[in-house]
């Protein structure tokens, strides 16, 4: 894993100074790093979270969010590596692995409009505009992913996802997530729109340029996002990302308060 730079710090208000008590139980979450080959090289899809949000407000992130209990529905039509394979790669239960993959597909669709599913086990939707109302219903939790896919006769394409990393929010934080990172290539014909109320803007950007924006103070990055962007920047292309050998182990940083900022330390 890439070493965090000394100047990567978080705002002190992320953890109230008077926060005490036992560590909060983390919520399982899935994040998807969407990539594509642009004219000038590898690009990743980034969202800037709305500043007023309770967790990571103002931070630049990849699409993702918490697991919904309905994401574990085993009735989903599934193509690609089975839940047992994902459980082995992520070191978790088969039930959680099922929920994580489904959450990854659902959250990516909700936050970017990109749908990793198709009418058959070997095809993928080319245009998701027809599913706009279903997308809104998913966001409102009026519809589960399994219900949506079944109603449209779609198959979840787990083979379009790759396991990438697993980061657990430090024990010192009042809101904690056990987040499993996936990588997916933008399907041909689809576009990422970032039409979500959780983001103030969305953009495709070369990882190196996003890191340069962070260095210049134009972007705020969480440690997992910084590390992932640095890894993508080093790989440089969709082909290299797809061929990269990954061993996923849980990363649990610690926070050290230094004046009005928090320094992130990875053991």
Protein backbone atom coordinates (compact mmCIF):
# COMPACT_ATOMS: atom_id res chain seq x y z
CA UNK A 1 0.00 0.00 0.00
CA UNK A 2 1.20 3.51 -0.76
CA UNK A 3 2.44 5.46 2.27
CA UNK A 4 0.32 8.46 3.25
CA UNK A 5 1.98 11.87 2.80
CA UNK A 6 2.75 13.92 5.90
CA UNK A 7 0.50 16.76 4.75
CA UNK A 8 -2.60 14.56 4.44
CA UNK A 9 -4.64 15.68 7.44
CA UNK A 10 -8.35 15.90 8.19
CA UNK A 11 -10.33 18.79 9.70
CA UNK A 12 -10.43 18.60 13.47
CA UNK A 13 -14.23 18.82 13.55
CA UNK A 14 -14.47 15.35 11.99
CA UNK A 15 -14.10 14.02 15.53
CA UNK A 16 -15.51 16.14 18.38
CA UNK A 17 -12.90 16.68 21.09
CA UNK A 18 -15.40 15.62 23.73
CA UNK A 19 -16.26 12.35 21.96
CA UNK A 20 -15.79 9.49 24.44
CA UNK A 21 -17.03 5.99 25.02
CA UNK A 22 -16.41 2.62 23.36
CA UNK A 23 -15.77 2.47 19.61
CA UNK A 24 -18.91 2.76 17.50
CA UNK A 25 -19.92 -0.41 15.65
CA UNK A 26 -19.07 0.18 11.97
CA UNK A 27 -21.61 -0.10 9.19
CA UNK A 28 -20.71 -2.22 6.16
CA UNK A 29 -20.31 -0.20 2.96
CA UNK A 30 -19.27 -0.60 -0.67
CA UNK A 31 -17.35 1.86 -2.86
CA UNK A 32 -16.82 1.50 -6.60
CA UNK A 33 -13.89 3.09 -8.41
CA UNK A 34 -15.17 3.67 -11.94
CA UNK A 35 -12.37 3.97 -14.50
CA UNK A 36 -12.02 4.55 -18.23
CA UNK A 37 -9.27 5.30 -20.71
CA UNK A 38 -9.53 8.97 -21.68
CA UNK A 39 -7.75 10.84 -24.44
CA UNK A 40 -4.86 11.68 -22.10
CA UNK A 41 -4.79 8.45 -20.09
CA UNK A 42 -6.60 6.64 -17.30
CA UNK A 43 -9.47 8.58 -15.68
CA UNK A 44 -11.52 7.93 -12.54
CA UNK A 45 -15.02 9.17 -11.78
CA UNK A 46 -15.08 11.46 -8.74
CA UNK A 47 -17.86 13.04 -6.68
CA UNK A 48 -17.49 15.98 -4.32
CA UNK A 49 -19.75 15.32 -1.35
CA UNK A 50 -22.08 18.12 -0.26
CA UNK A 51 -20.31 20.20 2.38
CA UNK A 52 -23.05 19.89 4.99
CA UNK A 53 -23.16 16.09 5.06
CA UNK A 54 -22.55 14.45 8.43
CA UNK A 55 -19.85 12.10 7.14
CA UNK A 56 -17.00 13.29 4.90
CA UNK A 57 -18.78 16.51 3.95
CA UNK A 58 -16.88 18.39 1.22
CA UNK A 59 -14.60 15.46 0.50
CA UNK A 60 -13.94 14.11 -2.99
CA UNK A 61 -14.87 10.42 -3.13
CA UNK A 62 -15.80 7.56 -5.42
CA UNK A 63 -19.45 6.45 -5.71
CA UNK A 64 -20.58 4.28 -2.83
CA UNK A 65 -22.54 3.99 0.37
CA UNK A 66 -23.84 1.78 3.14
CA UNK A 67 -25.18 -1.73 2.66
CA UNK A 68 -28.98 -2.07 2.77
CA UNK A 69 -30.26 -5.24 4.45
CA UNK A 70 -32.14 -6.04 1.22
CA UNK A 71 -28.82 -6.15 -0.66
CA UNK A 72 -28.35 -9.68 0.75
CA UNK A 73 -31.35 -10.96 -1.25
CA UNK A 74 -30.16 -14.20 -2.87
CA UNK A 75 -32.90 -14.13 -5.53
CA UNK A 76 -30.84 -11.73 -7.67
CA UNK A 77 -29.99 -13.11 -11.11
CA UNK A 78 -26.19 -13.25 -10.92
CA UNK A 79 -23.41 -13.63 -13.49
CA UNK A 80 -19.72 -13.88 -12.67
CA UNK A 81 -17.76 -15.00 -9.62
CA UNK A 82 -20.19 -16.38 -7.00
CA UNK A 83 -20.59 -14.95 -3.50
CA UNK A 84 -18.28 -17.66 -2.14
CA UNK A 85 -15.45 -16.29 -4.30
CA UNK A 86 -16.06 -12.73 -3.11
CA UNK A 87 -16.22 -13.94 0.50
CA UNK A 88 -12.82 -15.55 0.06
CA UNK A 89 -11.29 -12.44 -1.50
CA UNK A 90 -12.70 -10.06 1.11
CA UNK A 91 -12.35 -12.38 4.10
CA UNK A 92 -16.01 -12.10 5.07
CA UNK A 93 -19.15 -14.24 5.22
CA UNK A 94 -20.94 -15.33 2.06
CA UNK A 95 -24.02 -13.37 3.14
CA UNK A 96 -22.00 -10.18 3.53
CA UNK A 97 -20.19 -10.81 0.25
CA UNK A 98 -23.55 -11.07 -1.53
CA UNK A 99 -24.72 -7.83 0.07
CA UNK A 100 -21.48 -6.00 -0.76
CA UNK A 101 -21.58 -6.87 -4.46
CA UNK A 102 -25.25 -5.92 -4.69
CA UNK A 103 -24.62 -2.70 -2.76
CA UNK A 104 -21.74 -1.88 -5.11
CA UNK A 105 -23.99 -2.25 -8.16
CA UNK A 106 -26.89 -0.39 -6.53
CA UNK A 107 -24.87 2.54 -5.19
CA UNK A 108 -23.02 2.96 -8.49
CA UNK A 109 -26.33 3.19 -10.32
CA UNK A 110 -27.86 5.54 -7.75
CA UNK A 111 -24.93 7.97 -7.65
CA UNK A 112 -23.60 7.86 -11.20
CA UNK A 113 -26.29 6.33 -13.41
CA UNK A 114 -23.90 3.54 -14.41
CA UNK A 115 -25.57 0.12 -14.26
CA UNK A 116 -23.45 -3.03 -14.06
CA UNK A 117 -26.18 -5.34 -15.30
CA UNK A 118 -27.53 -6.60 -18.59
CA UNK A 119 -30.34 -8.57 -20.22
CA UNK A 120 -28.16 -11.69 -20.21
CA UNK A 121 -25.15 -13.14 -18.42
CA UNK A 122 -22.84 -11.88 -21.16
CA UNK A 123 -24.36 -8.51 -22.05
CA UNK A 124 -24.61 -5.12 -20.36
CA UNK A 125 -27.11 -2.30 -20.66
CA UNK A 126 -25.91 0.30 -23.18
CA UNK A 127 -28.22 3.14 -22.13
CA UNK A 128 -29.69 3.48 -18.65
CA UNK A 129 -32.00 6.44 -19.39
CA UNK A 130 -35.04 4.14 -19.51
CA UNK A 131 -34.47 3.24 -15.85
CA UNK A 132 -34.59 6.80 -14.48
CA UNK A 133 -37.74 6.23 -12.43
CA UNK A 134 -36.34 3.01 -10.98
CA UNK A 135 -33.13 4.83 -10.08
CA UNK A 136 -35.14 7.41 -8.12
CA UNK A 137 -37.10 4.63 -6.40
CA UNK A 138 -33.86 2.91 -5.40
CA UNK A 139 -32.54 6.15 -3.90
CA UNK A 140 -35.80 6.61 -1.97
CA UNK A 141 -35.57 2.98 -0.75
CA UNK A 142 -38.97 2.32 -2.32
CA UNK A 143 -37.40 -0.44 -4.42
CA UNK A 144 -34.70 -2.99 -3.74
CA UNK A 145 -32.01 -3.93 -6.25
CA UNK A 146 -33.42 -7.46 -6.54
CA UNK A 147 -36.90 -6.11 -7.28
CA UNK A 148 -35.55 -3.69 -9.88
CA UNK A 149 -33.47 -6.27 -11.73
CA UNK A 150 -36.28 -8.84 -11.69
CA UNK A 151 -38.87 -6.39 -13.00
CA UNK A 152 -36.60 -5.41 -15.90
CA UNK A 153 -35.33 -8.92 -16.61
CA UNK A 154 -31.73 -7.92 -15.89
CA UNK A 155 -28.77 -9.95 -14.66
CA UNK A 156 -26.26 -8.54 -12.17
CA UNK A 157 -22.77 -8.61 -13.73
CA UNK A 158 -20.47 -9.42 -10.83
CA UNK A 159 -17.76 -10.18 -13.38
CA UNK A 160 -17.55 -6.47 -14.20
CA UNK A 161 -16.31 -5.76 -10.66
CA UNK A 162 -12.87 -6.43 -9.16
CA UNK A 163 -12.00 -6.48 -5.42
CA UNK A 164 -9.54 -3.70 -4.60
CA UNK A 165 -9.26 -2.80 -0.89
CA UNK A 166 -10.92 -2.76 2.53
CA UNK A 167 -10.70 0.26 4.85
CA UNK A 168 -12.24 0.47 8.32
CA UNK A 169 -12.89 3.92 9.76
CA UNK A 170 -10.67 4.68 12.80
CA UNK A 171 -12.05 3.76 16.22
CA UNK A 172 -11.83 7.41 17.26
CA UNK A 173 -14.60 8.52 14.87
CA UNK A 174 -18.27 8.77 15.90
CA UNK A 175 -19.42 7.48 12.48
CA UNK A 176 -17.65 4.38 11.27
CA UNK A 177 -17.79 2.33 8.06
CA UNK A 178 -16.18 -0.96 7.12
CA UNK A 179 -15.82 -0.11 3.44
CA UNK A 180 -14.98 -2.60 0.72
CA UNK A 181 -13.55 -1.07 -2.45
CA UNK A 182 -14.27 -2.42 -5.93
CA UNK A 183 -12.98 -1.34 -9.34
CA UNK A 184 -15.15 -1.36 -12.48
CA UNK A 185 -14.57 -0.21 -16.04
CA UNK A 186 -17.25 2.11 -17.48
CA UNK A 187 -19.42 -0.11 -19.75
CA UNK A 188 -19.42 0.79 -23.43
CA UNK A 189 -22.24 3.18 -24.33
CA UNK A 190 -22.98 4.24 -20.76
CA UNK A 191 -22.19 7.61 -19.20
CA UNK A 192 -21.66 8.64 -15.60
CA UNK A 193 -23.74 11.69 -14.73
CA UNK A 194 -23.28 12.21 -10.98
CA UNK A 195 -26.94 13.19 -10.66
CA UNK A 196 -27.19 12.66 -6.92
CA UNK A 197 -28.23 14.99 -4.12
CA UNK A 198 -25.21 13.79 -2.13
CA UNK A 199 -22.70 15.45 -4.49
CA UNK A 200 -22.13 19.09 -5.39
CA UNK A 201 -20.20 18.20 -8.54
CA UNK A 202 -18.91 15.20 -10.46
CA UNK A 203 -16.07 14.79 -12.93
CA UNK A 204 -13.88 12.32 -14.79
CA UNK A 205 -10.29 13.13 -13.93
CA UNK A 206 -6.86 11.60 -14.32
CA UNK A 207 -5.72 10.31 -10.90
CA UNK A 208 -2.51 12.36 -11.05
CA UNK A 209 -4.50 15.54 -11.73
CA UNK A 210 -6.84 14.81 -8.81
CA UNK A 211 -3.82 14.37 -6.54
CA UNK A 212 -2.37 17.64 -7.85
CA UNK A 213 -5.68 19.35 -7.05
CA UNK A 214 -5.47 17.95 -3.51
CA UNK A 215 -1.89 19.19 -3.17
CA UNK A 216 -2.99 22.68 -4.31
CA UNK A 217 -5.93 22.73 -1.89
CA UNK A 218 -8.58 22.43 -4.60
CA UNK A 219 -9.74 19.00 -3.41
CA UNK A 220 -10.07 17.39 0.00
CA UNK A 221 -9.34 13.67 0.09
CA UNK A 222 -9.85 10.94 2.66
CA UNK A 223 -6.87 8.59 3.11
CA UNK A 224 -8.46 5.64 1.23
CA UNK A 225 -9.24 7.90 -1.73
CA UNK A 226 -5.72 9.35 -1.78
CA UNK A 227 -4.14 5.88 -1.69
CA UNK A 228 -6.43 4.53 -4.40
CA UNK A 229 -5.76 7.51 -6.68
CA UNK A 230 -2.02 7.09 -6.17
CA UNK A 231 -2.28 3.40 -7.08
CA UNK A 232 -4.33 4.17 -10.20
CA UNK A 233 -1.91 6.90 -11.22
CA UNK A 234 0.96 4.43 -11.01
CA UNK A 235 -0.89 1.85 -13.15
CA UNK A 236 -1.90 4.37 -15.80
CA UNK A 237 -4.40 2.45 -17.95
CA UNK A 238 -7.53 0.35 -17.78
CA UNK A 239 -5.56 -2.67 -18.99
CA UNK A 240 -3.00 -2.28 -16.21
CA UNK A 241 -5.71 -1.82 -13.58
CA UNK A 242 -7.57 -4.90 -14.81
CA UNK A 243 -4.38 -6.98 -14.75
CA UNK A 244 -3.18 -5.77 -11.34
CA UNK A 245 -2.76 -8.49 -8.74
CA UNK A 246 -4.53 -7.50 -5.51
CA UNK A 247 -4.50 -9.07 -2.05
CA UNK A 248 -7.18 -7.44 0.08
CA UNK A 249 -6.54 -7.02 3.79
CA UNK A 250 -8.35 -4.77 6.25
CA UNK A 251 -6.66 -1.39 6.82
CA UNK A 252 -7.49 0.24 10.18
CA UNK A 253 -5.94 3.70 10.52
CA UNK A 254 -5.67 5.66 13.77
CA UNK A 255 -6.22 9.36 14.31
CA UNK A 256 -3.86 11.66 16.18
CA UNK A 257 -5.06 15.17 17.00
CA UNK A 258 -2.53 17.91 16.24
CA UNK A 259 -4.01 21.29 17.09
CA UNK A 260 -7.04 21.89 14.87
CA UNK A 261 -6.35 18.99 12.49
CA UNK A 262 -6.30 15.19 12.66
CA UNK A 263 -3.35 13.20 11.37
CA UNK A 264 -4.09 9.76 9.97
CA UNK A 265 -1.67 7.02 10.94
CA UNK A 266 -1.73 3.61 9.27
CA UNK A 267 -0.19 0.95 11.56
